[in-house]
Amino acid sequence: MSKEIEKVIYEKYDIIMTIGIYASNNTSKISKSIRKDIKNVIKSYNNILQIHGLFINEEEKNISFDIIYDFEEKDPEKINKEIIDKLKKIYKDYSITIIIDKDIS
């Protein structure tokens, strides 16, 4: 679907865009809890502009999401490790992946 939207925008306005469409799992207790805990951990970091693309696979015990850092953040890899370490204390059985996304605005 996102590729179709990108094509229409390019053809109509001559603008190249990347569009991400993410499904949201807000129905299970564990996914709600994980989402809340991620937000609580993230809010203590001033140079994080946004998280998105949160994917939780409860069966395989995987959590992944993207973080957009402010350009002023000198060491986003270090912050990612800190966040993963904090989340691993809560979700010991889960594999956690954070992808650093670029703020190009």
Protein backbone atom coordinates (compact mmCIF):
# COMPACT_ATOMS: atom_id res chain seq x y z
CA MET A 1 0.00 0.00 0.00
CA SER A 2 2.78 2.46 0.86
CA LYS A 3 4.42 1.96 -2.55
CA GLU A 4 1.12 2.79 -4.25
CA ILE A 5 0.77 6.00 -2.23
CA GLU A 6 4.37 6.98 -3.00
CA LYS A 7 3.76 6.42 -6.72
CA VAL A 8 0.59 8.54 -6.75
CA ILE A 9 2.33 11.41 -4.94
CA TYR A 10 5.27 11.25 -7.33
CA GLU A 11 3.09 11.17 -10.42
CA LYS A 12 0.75 13.91 -9.24
CA TYR A 13 3.19 16.29 -7.50
CA ASP A 14 6.64 15.20 -8.75
CA ILE A 15 7.70 14.59 -5.13
CA ILE A 16 9.66 11.54 -4.00
CA MET A 17 8.50 10.37 -0.57
CA THR A 18 9.01 7.39 1.65
CA ILE A 19 5.91 6.36 3.52
CA GLY A 20 5.79 3.84 6.35
CA ILE A 21 2.59 2.17 7.42
CA TYR A 22 2.77 0.15 10.58
CA ALA A 23 0.25 -2.21 12.09
CA SER A 24 -0.51 -1.74 15.76
CA ASN A 25 -1.07 -4.49 18.30
CA ASN A 26 -2.80 -2.90 21.26
CA THR A 27 -5.05 -5.77 22.19
CA SER A 28 -2.97 -8.08 24.35
CA LYS A 29 -1.96 -7.30 27.91
CA ILE A 30 1.71 -7.96 27.22
CA SER A 31 1.86 -5.69 24.16
CA LYS A 32 0.17 -2.89 26.10
CA SER A 33 2.62 -3.37 28.95
CA ILE A 34 5.66 -3.42 26.64
CA ARG A 35 4.48 -0.28 24.83
CA LYS A 36 3.98 1.54 28.15
CA ASP A 37 7.37 0.44 29.51
CA ILE A 38 9.18 1.52 26.34
CA LYS A 39 7.57 4.96 26.54
CA ASN A 40 8.54 5.26 30.22
CA VAL A 41 12.18 4.39 29.48
CA ILE A 42 12.37 6.64 26.40
CA LYS A 43 10.94 9.74 28.08
CA SER A 44 14.08 10.18 30.19
CA TYR A 45 16.17 10.88 27.06
CA ASN A 46 15.88 14.45 25.78
CA ASN A 47 17.55 13.80 22.42
CA ILE A 48 15.01 11.21 21.30
CA LEU A 49 12.56 12.85 18.95
CA GLN A 50 10.34 9.88 18.18
CA ILE A 51 9.88 6.14 18.29
CA HIS A 52 7.94 4.32 15.63
CA GLY A 53 7.64 0.96 13.93
CA LEU A 54 7.14 -0.90 17.20
CA PHE A 55 6.77 -4.59 16.48
CA ILE A 56 6.15 -7.15 19.22
CA ASN A 57 6.11 -10.87 18.49
CA GLU A 58 4.93 -12.48 21.69
CA GLU A 59 5.34 -16.04 20.41
CA GLU A 60 8.96 -15.58 19.34
CA LYS A 61 9.66 -13.09 22.13
CA ASN A 62 10.95 -10.31 19.86
CA ILE A 63 10.60 -6.55 20.29
CA SER A 64 11.84 -4.10 17.67
CA PHE A 65 11.34 -0.42 17.01
CA ASP A 66 12.98 2.60 15.42
CA ILE A 67 14.23 5.66 17.27
CA ILE A 68 14.83 9.05 15.70
CA TYR A 69 17.51 11.01 17.55
CA ASP A 70 18.11 14.73 17.48
CA PHE A 71 21.19 15.61 15.41
CA GLU A 72 22.79 16.88 18.63
CA GLU A 73 22.97 13.35 20.05
CA LYS A 74 26.64 12.40 19.73
CA ASP A 75 26.35 8.71 20.64
CA PRO A 76 22.98 7.18 19.72
CA GLU A 77 24.46 3.66 19.81
CA LYS A 78 25.31 4.15 23.49
CA ILE A 79 21.76 5.34 24.23
CA ASN A 80 20.33 2.36 22.33
CA LYS A 81 22.40 0.00 24.48
CA GLU A 82 21.22 1.73 27.67
CA ILE A 83 17.58 1.45 26.57
CA ILE A 84 17.98 -2.21 25.63
CA ASP A 85 19.65 -2.93 28.99
CA LYS A 86 16.79 -1.25 30.87
CA LEU A 87 14.13 -3.11 28.87
CA LYS A 88 15.98 -6.44 29.25
CA LYS A 89 15.67 -6.10 33.03
CA ILE A 90 11.89 -6.11 32.56
CA TYR A 91 11.61 -8.49 29.58
CA LYS A 92 14.47 -10.94 30.20
CA ASP A 93 13.23 -13.54 27.71
CA TYR A 94 12.82 -11.09 24.83
CA SER A 95 15.22 -10.21 22.05
CA ILE A 96 15.20 -6.42 21.66
CA THR A 97 16.30 -4.58 18.54
CA ILE A 98 16.42 -0.80 18.15
CA ILE A 99 17.05 0.69 14.74
CA ILE A 100 18.52 4.20 14.57
CA ASP A 101 16.48 6.21 12.11
CA LYS A 102 17.68 9.50 10.66
CA ASP A 103 15.87 12.79 11.16
CA ILE A 104 16.05 14.32 7.72
CA SER A 105 13.60 17.13 8.35
